[in-house]
N, C-alpha and C. Protein backbone atom coordinates (compact mmCIF):
# COMPACT_ATOMS: atom_id res chain seq x y z
N ARG A 1 4.68 7.84 1.28
CA ARG A 1 3.32 7.61 1.73
C ARG A 1 2.66 8.96 1.95
N ALA A 2 1.41 9.05 1.54
CA ALA A 2 0.63 10.27 1.76
C ALA A 2 -0.69 9.87 2.42
N PHE A 3 -1.30 10.84 3.10
CA PHE A 3 -2.55 10.58 3.81
C PHE A 3 -3.53 11.70 3.54
N SER A 4 -4.79 11.31 3.32
CA SER A 4 -5.89 12.26 3.16
C SER A 4 -6.81 12.11 4.36
N ALA A 5 -6.76 13.07 5.26
CA ALA A 5 -7.62 13.01 6.44
C ALA A 5 -9.09 13.09 6.06
N ALA A 6 -9.39 13.85 5.01
CA ALA A 6 -10.78 14.00 4.57
C ALA A 6 -11.36 12.67 4.10
N GLY A 7 -10.55 11.91 3.38
CA GLY A 7 -11.02 10.65 2.85
C GLY A 7 -10.54 9.45 3.64
N THR A 8 -9.79 9.69 4.69
CA THR A 8 -9.16 8.62 5.48
C THR A 8 -8.52 7.57 4.58
N ASP A 9 -7.61 8.02 3.73
CA ASP A 9 -6.96 7.14 2.76
C ASP A 9 -5.45 7.32 2.81
N HIS A 10 -4.73 6.20 2.87
CA HIS A 10 -3.28 6.22 2.71
C HIS A 10 -2.98 5.89 1.25
N PHE A 11 -2.04 6.62 0.67
CA PHE A 11 -1.71 6.53 -0.74
C PHE A 11 -0.21 6.37 -0.88
N TYR A 12 0.22 5.43 -1.71
CA TYR A 12 1.64 5.13 -1.87
C TYR A 12 2.01 5.24 -3.35
N THR A 13 3.14 5.86 -3.62
CA THR A 13 3.61 6.01 -4.99
C THR A 13 5.12 6.19 -4.99
N THR A 14 5.72 5.91 -6.12
CA THR A 14 7.16 6.14 -6.28
C THR A 14 7.42 7.54 -6.81
N SER A 15 6.36 8.29 -7.09
CA SER A 15 6.48 9.61 -7.72
C SER A 15 6.18 10.75 -6.74
N ASN A 16 7.18 11.58 -6.48
CA ASN A 16 6.95 12.77 -5.65
C ASN A 16 5.97 13.71 -6.33
N VAL A 17 6.01 13.78 -7.66
CA VAL A 17 5.10 14.63 -8.42
C VAL A 17 3.66 14.17 -8.21
N GLU A 18 3.44 12.87 -8.22
CA GLU A 18 2.09 12.33 -8.03
C GLU A 18 1.55 12.68 -6.64
N ILE A 19 2.40 12.61 -5.62
CA ILE A 19 1.96 12.98 -4.27
C ILE A 19 1.65 14.47 -4.21
N THR A 20 2.48 15.28 -4.82
CA THR A 20 2.26 16.73 -4.82
C THR A 20 0.94 17.09 -5.49
N ARG A 21 0.61 16.37 -6.56
CA ARG A 21 -0.62 16.66 -7.32
C ARG A 21 -1.87 16.03 -6.72
N ALA A 22 -1.71 15.13 -5.78
CA ALA A 22 -2.87 14.45 -5.18
C ALA A 22 -3.59 15.43 -4.24
N ALA A 23 -4.71 15.92 -4.69
CA ALA A 23 -5.47 16.94 -3.94
C ALA A 23 -5.89 16.41 -2.58
N GLY A 24 -5.56 17.17 -1.54
CA GLY A 24 -5.97 16.83 -0.19
C GLY A 24 -5.07 15.85 0.53
N TYR A 25 -4.01 15.40 -0.11
CA TYR A 25 -3.09 14.45 0.51
C TYR A 25 -1.85 15.17 1.02
N LYS A 26 -1.35 14.71 2.15
CA LYS A 26 -0.13 15.27 2.73
C LYS A 26 0.90 14.15 2.88
N SER A 27 2.12 14.42 2.47
CA SER A 27 3.18 13.41 2.55
C SER A 27 3.48 13.04 4.00
N GLU A 28 3.63 11.75 4.23
CA GLU A 28 4.04 11.24 5.54
C GLU A 28 5.46 10.65 5.48
N GLY A 29 6.14 10.86 4.35
CA GLY A 29 7.51 10.38 4.21
C GLY A 29 7.59 9.02 3.53
N ASN A 30 8.79 8.53 3.42
CA ASN A 30 9.04 7.26 2.75
C ASN A 30 8.78 6.08 3.68
N VAL A 31 8.19 5.04 3.12
CA VAL A 31 7.97 3.81 3.86
C VAL A 31 9.11 2.83 3.57
N GLY A 32 9.56 2.83 2.35
CA GLY A 32 10.62 1.95 1.88
C GLY A 32 10.73 2.12 0.38
N ARG A 33 11.72 1.49 -0.21
CA ARG A 33 11.93 1.66 -1.64
C ARG A 33 11.42 0.45 -2.41
N ILE A 34 10.59 0.74 -3.41
CA ILE A 34 10.18 -0.30 -4.34
C ILE A 34 10.77 0.07 -5.69
N TYR A 35 10.86 -0.87 -6.56
CA TYR A 35 11.45 -0.63 -7.87
C TYR A 35 10.38 -0.18 -8.87
N PRO A 36 10.65 0.88 -9.65
CA PRO A 36 9.68 1.32 -10.65
C PRO A 36 9.60 0.35 -11.84
N ASN A 37 10.66 -0.42 -12.07
CA ASN A 37 10.71 -1.41 -13.15
C ASN A 37 11.10 -2.75 -12.54
N GLN A 38 10.67 -3.81 -13.20
CA GLN A 38 10.95 -5.13 -12.64
C GLN A 38 12.44 -5.45 -12.73
N VAL A 39 12.99 -5.91 -11.62
CA VAL A 39 14.36 -6.40 -11.57
C VAL A 39 14.28 -7.86 -11.13
N GLN A 40 15.40 -8.56 -11.24
CA GLN A 40 15.43 -9.98 -10.94
C GLN A 40 14.85 -10.29 -9.57
N GLN A 41 14.00 -11.27 -9.51
CA GLN A 41 13.38 -11.81 -8.30
C GLN A 41 12.28 -10.93 -7.70
N THR A 42 11.85 -9.88 -8.39
CA THR A 42 10.77 -9.05 -7.85
C THR A 42 9.44 -9.46 -8.47
N THR A 43 8.38 -9.02 -7.83
CA THR A 43 7.02 -9.31 -8.28
C THR A 43 6.22 -8.01 -8.30
N PRO A 44 5.23 -7.89 -9.18
CA PRO A 44 4.45 -6.64 -9.24
C PRO A 44 3.67 -6.38 -7.95
N LEU A 45 3.62 -5.11 -7.58
CA LEU A 45 2.76 -4.64 -6.50
C LEU A 45 1.64 -3.87 -7.19
N TYR A 46 0.45 -4.47 -7.25
CA TYR A 46 -0.68 -3.88 -7.96
C TYR A 46 -1.34 -2.80 -7.11
N ARG A 47 -1.75 -1.72 -7.78
CA ARG A 47 -2.43 -0.63 -7.09
C ARG A 47 -3.88 -0.57 -7.56
N LEU A 48 -4.80 -0.51 -6.60
CA LEU A 48 -6.22 -0.41 -6.90
C LEU A 48 -6.81 0.77 -6.14
N TYR A 49 -7.96 1.23 -6.63
CA TYR A 49 -8.61 2.35 -5.96
C TYR A 49 -10.12 2.15 -5.95
N SER A 50 -10.72 2.46 -4.81
CA SER A 50 -12.17 2.45 -4.67
C SER A 50 -12.65 3.88 -4.46
N ALA A 51 -13.34 4.43 -5.45
CA ALA A 51 -13.89 5.78 -5.32
C ALA A 51 -15.02 5.78 -4.30
N TRP A 52 -15.75 4.67 -4.22
CA TRP A 52 -16.85 4.56 -3.26
C TRP A 52 -16.31 4.58 -1.83
N GLY A 53 -15.28 3.80 -1.57
CA GLY A 53 -14.73 3.73 -0.22
C GLY A 53 -13.59 4.70 0.02
N ILE A 54 -13.20 5.44 -1.02
CA ILE A 54 -12.05 6.35 -0.98
C ILE A 54 -10.87 5.61 -0.33
N ASN A 55 -10.41 4.57 -1.02
CA ASN A 55 -9.36 3.72 -0.46
C ASN A 55 -8.45 3.19 -1.56
N HIS A 56 -7.16 3.37 -1.36
CA HIS A 56 -6.16 2.73 -2.20
C HIS A 56 -5.81 1.39 -1.57
N PHE A 57 -5.61 0.39 -2.41
CA PHE A 57 -5.28 -0.95 -1.95
C PHE A 57 -4.14 -1.49 -2.81
N TYR A 58 -3.22 -2.19 -2.19
CA TYR A 58 -2.05 -2.71 -2.89
C TYR A 58 -1.90 -4.19 -2.57
N THR A 59 -1.58 -4.98 -3.58
CA THR A 59 -1.39 -6.42 -3.39
C THR A 59 -0.42 -6.97 -4.43
N THR A 60 0.26 -8.03 -4.07
CA THR A 60 1.12 -8.73 -5.03
C THR A 60 0.39 -9.93 -5.63
N ASN A 61 -0.80 -10.18 -5.18
CA ASN A 61 -1.57 -11.35 -5.60
C ASN A 61 -2.54 -10.96 -6.71
N ALA A 62 -2.28 -11.44 -7.93
CA ALA A 62 -3.13 -11.08 -9.07
C ALA A 62 -4.56 -11.56 -8.88
N GLN A 63 -4.75 -12.71 -8.25
CA GLN A 63 -6.10 -13.22 -8.01
C GLN A 63 -6.84 -12.33 -7.02
N GLU A 64 -6.15 -11.86 -5.98
CA GLU A 64 -6.77 -10.94 -5.03
C GLU A 64 -7.13 -9.63 -5.72
N ARG A 65 -6.24 -9.14 -6.57
CA ARG A 65 -6.53 -7.93 -7.35
C ARG A 65 -7.81 -8.11 -8.15
N ASP A 66 -7.90 -9.22 -8.88
CA ASP A 66 -9.06 -9.48 -9.72
C ASP A 66 -10.34 -9.59 -8.90
N THR A 67 -10.26 -10.17 -7.71
CA THR A 67 -11.42 -10.30 -6.83
C THR A 67 -11.90 -8.93 -6.37
N TYR A 68 -10.97 -8.06 -5.99
CA TYR A 68 -11.35 -6.71 -5.55
C TYR A 68 -12.00 -5.92 -6.68
N VAL A 69 -11.53 -6.13 -7.90
CA VAL A 69 -12.12 -5.44 -9.06
C VAL A 69 -13.51 -6.00 -9.36
N ALA A 70 -13.64 -7.32 -9.38
CA ALA A 70 -14.91 -7.96 -9.76
C ALA A 70 -16.00 -7.84 -8.71
N TYR A 71 -15.63 -7.89 -7.42
CA TYR A 71 -16.65 -7.99 -6.38
C TYR A 71 -16.74 -6.80 -5.42
N TYR A 72 -15.70 -5.99 -5.33
CA TYR A 72 -15.70 -4.92 -4.34
C TYR A 72 -15.65 -3.52 -4.94
N GLY A 73 -15.78 -3.41 -6.25
CA GLY A 73 -15.88 -2.10 -6.88
C GLY A 73 -14.59 -1.33 -7.04
N TYR A 74 -13.47 -2.01 -6.90
CA TYR A 74 -12.18 -1.34 -7.08
C TYR A 74 -11.83 -1.27 -8.57
N VAL A 75 -11.02 -0.28 -8.91
CA VAL A 75 -10.50 -0.12 -10.27
C VAL A 75 -9.00 -0.36 -10.20
N SER A 76 -8.48 -1.17 -11.10
CA SER A 76 -7.04 -1.40 -11.13
C SER A 76 -6.35 -0.17 -11.71
N GLU A 77 -5.34 0.31 -11.01
CA GLU A 77 -4.54 1.44 -11.49
C GLU A 77 -3.18 0.96 -11.99
N GLY A 78 -3.07 -0.34 -12.25
CA GLY A 78 -1.83 -0.89 -12.80
C GLY A 78 -0.85 -1.31 -11.72
N VAL A 79 0.41 -1.30 -12.10
CA VAL A 79 1.48 -1.72 -11.20
C VAL A 79 2.10 -0.49 -10.55
N ALA A 80 2.11 -0.47 -9.23
CA ALA A 80 2.71 0.65 -8.48
C ALA A 80 4.22 0.56 -8.52
N GLY A 81 4.73 -0.65 -8.59
CA GLY A 81 6.16 -0.91 -8.59
C GLY A 81 6.39 -2.38 -8.33
N TYR A 82 7.62 -2.71 -7.99
CA TYR A 82 7.98 -4.11 -7.82
C TYR A 82 8.65 -4.32 -6.47
N VAL A 83 8.27 -5.40 -5.79
CA VAL A 83 8.79 -5.73 -4.46
C VAL A 83 9.30 -7.18 -4.49
N PHE A 84 10.00 -7.54 -3.46
CA PHE A 84 10.47 -8.92 -3.34
C PHE A 84 9.40 -9.75 -2.63
N PRO A 85 9.14 -10.97 -3.11
CA PRO A 85 8.15 -11.83 -2.46
C PRO A 85 8.69 -12.49 -1.19
N TRP A 86 9.97 -12.45 -0.98
CA TRP A 86 10.61 -13.00 0.22
C TRP A 86 11.74 -12.07 0.63
N GLN A 87 12.21 -12.24 1.85
CA GLN A 87 13.23 -11.34 2.37
C GLN A 87 14.59 -11.66 1.76
N ILE A 88 15.26 -10.61 1.30
CA ILE A 88 16.63 -10.72 0.80
C ILE A 88 17.48 -9.72 1.57
N CYS A 89 18.76 -9.72 1.32
CA CYS A 89 19.67 -8.81 2.01
C CYS A 89 19.22 -7.35 1.85
N ASN A 90 19.20 -6.61 2.92
CA ASN A 90 18.82 -5.19 2.96
C ASN A 90 17.34 -4.93 2.71
N SER A 91 16.51 -5.96 2.80
CA SER A 91 15.08 -5.73 2.64
C SER A 91 14.37 -5.90 3.98
N VAL A 92 13.21 -5.26 4.07
CA VAL A 92 12.40 -5.32 5.29
C VAL A 92 10.96 -5.63 4.91
N PRO A 93 10.19 -6.23 5.82
CA PRO A 93 8.79 -6.54 5.52
C PRO A 93 7.96 -5.27 5.34
N LEU A 94 7.05 -5.32 4.37
CA LEU A 94 6.05 -4.27 4.18
C LEU A 94 4.75 -4.85 4.74
N TYR A 95 4.40 -4.40 5.94
CA TYR A 95 3.23 -4.93 6.65
C TYR A 95 1.95 -4.29 6.12
N ARG A 96 0.89 -5.10 6.04
CA ARG A 96 -0.41 -4.63 5.56
C ARG A 96 -1.41 -4.68 6.70
N LEU A 97 -2.14 -3.57 6.87
CA LEU A 97 -3.20 -3.48 7.89
C LEU A 97 -4.43 -2.87 7.25
N TYR A 98 -5.58 -3.10 7.88
CA TYR A 98 -6.84 -2.56 7.34
C TYR A 98 -7.75 -2.15 8.48
N ASN A 99 -8.36 -0.98 8.32
CA ASN A 99 -9.35 -0.50 9.28
C ASN A 99 -10.71 -0.55 8.59
N GLN A 100 -11.55 -1.49 8.99
CA GLN A 100 -12.84 -1.70 8.35
C GLN A 100 -13.79 -0.53 8.59
N VAL A 101 -13.69 0.14 9.72
CA VAL A 101 -14.60 1.24 10.04
C VAL A 101 -14.40 2.40 9.07
N VAL A 102 -13.16 2.79 8.85
CA VAL A 102 -12.89 3.94 7.95
C VAL A 102 -12.48 3.48 6.55
N GLN A 103 -12.45 2.17 6.32
CA GLN A 103 -12.10 1.57 5.03
C GLN A 103 -10.77 2.11 4.51
N ASP A 104 -9.71 1.87 5.27
CA ASP A 104 -8.38 2.35 4.91
C ASP A 104 -7.36 1.24 5.07
N HIS A 105 -6.61 1.00 3.99
CA HIS A 105 -5.47 0.08 4.07
C HIS A 105 -4.23 0.90 4.42
N LEU A 106 -3.44 0.36 5.31
CA LEU A 106 -2.20 1.01 5.74
C LEU A 106 -1.05 0.03 5.53
N PHE A 107 0.03 0.53 4.97
CA PHE A 107 1.22 -0.27 4.75
C PHE A 107 2.38 0.41 5.45
N THR A 108 3.17 -0.36 6.18
CA THR A 108 4.27 0.21 6.94
C THR A 108 5.41 -0.79 7.05
N THR A 109 6.61 -0.28 7.24
CA THR A 109 7.76 -1.13 7.53
C THR A 109 8.14 -1.00 9.01
N ASN A 110 7.42 -0.17 9.73
CA ASN A 110 7.73 0.14 11.12
C ASN A 110 6.89 -0.74 12.05
N TYR A 111 7.54 -1.69 12.69
CA TYR A 111 6.82 -2.62 13.56
C TYR A 111 6.13 -1.89 14.71
N ASN A 112 6.74 -0.85 15.24
CA ASN A 112 6.12 -0.08 16.33
C ASN A 112 4.84 0.62 15.86
N GLU A 113 4.82 1.04 14.59
CA GLU A 113 3.61 1.68 14.06
C GLU A 113 2.45 0.69 14.01
N ILE A 114 2.74 -0.57 13.76
CA ILE A 114 1.69 -1.59 13.74
C ILE A 114 0.94 -1.58 15.07
N GLN A 115 1.67 -1.62 16.15
CA GLN A 115 1.04 -1.64 17.47
C GLN A 115 0.24 -0.37 17.72
N ALA A 116 0.76 0.77 17.28
CA ALA A 116 0.06 2.05 17.49
C ALA A 116 -1.25 2.10 16.71
N VAL A 117 -1.24 1.68 15.44
CA VAL A 117 -2.46 1.78 14.64
C VAL A 117 -3.47 0.69 14.97
N GLN A 118 -3.00 -0.42 15.54
CA GLN A 118 -3.96 -1.44 15.99
C GLN A 118 -4.85 -0.88 17.10
N ARG A 119 -4.30 0.01 17.90
CA ARG A 119 -5.11 0.66 18.94
C ARG A 119 -6.14 1.61 18.33
N LEU A 120 -5.94 1.99 17.06
CA LEU A 120 -6.88 2.87 16.35
C LEU A 120 -7.86 2.08 15.49
N GLY A 121 -7.85 0.76 15.61
CA GLY A 121 -8.82 -0.06 14.89
C GLY A 121 -8.29 -0.77 13.66
N PHE A 122 -7.01 -0.67 13.38
CA PHE A 122 -6.45 -1.37 12.22
C PHE A 122 -6.16 -2.83 12.59
N ALA A 123 -6.49 -3.73 11.68
CA ALA A 123 -6.22 -5.16 11.88
C ALA A 123 -5.04 -5.57 11.00
N TYR A 124 -4.15 -6.31 11.58
CA TYR A 124 -2.97 -6.80 10.86
C TYR A 124 -3.40 -7.84 9.83
N GLN A 125 -2.94 -7.70 8.57
CA GLN A 125 -3.31 -8.64 7.51
C GLN A 125 -2.12 -9.40 6.94
N GLY A 126 -0.94 -9.20 7.49
CA GLY A 126 0.21 -9.95 7.01
C GLY A 126 1.23 -9.09 6.31
N ILE A 127 2.14 -9.74 5.62
CA ILE A 127 3.22 -9.07 4.90
C ILE A 127 2.86 -9.01 3.43
N ALA A 128 2.87 -7.80 2.87
CA ALA A 128 2.53 -7.61 1.46
C ALA A 128 3.70 -7.96 0.55
N GLY A 129 4.90 -7.83 1.05
CA GLY A 129 6.11 -8.08 0.29
C GLY A 129 7.29 -7.52 1.08
N TYR A 130 8.42 -7.46 0.43
CA TYR A 130 9.63 -6.94 1.09
C TYR A 130 10.19 -5.81 0.25
N VAL A 131 10.56 -4.73 0.92
CA VAL A 131 11.07 -3.53 0.26
C VAL A 131 12.47 -3.23 0.76
N VAL A 132 13.19 -2.43 0.00
CA VAL A 132 14.54 -2.05 0.40
C VAL A 132 14.44 -0.91 1.40
N ALA A 133 15.12 -1.06 2.52
CA ALA A 133 15.06 -0.05 3.59
C ALA A 133 15.80 1.22 3.18
């Protein structure tokens, strides 16, 4: 996970090179492991970006992806990786939160972080999928 304080954007990728090249972003460490290629029982985690809102957004729901592209000005950046749609052995929930004021989606596997960022204006939106811890 990387964060751009200038753009108030959290960015997630499986590529250390991509984080290094992302201008203005600083690594915040690993959130969890997603698969770069589809393996049995996984589902795509779609990555979208809004240049207007300077916000990366991730979803496993193709209909939600299409809605964000059609109505909210996001551009699909393809599949970020693959996650489990339900909990399996050695997996943990990937929680999704959103701060409407700064237009930033935050994803975390740390339940304590949820409580901390809710005090900063982030609203809990549910579980995006399950990742390997």
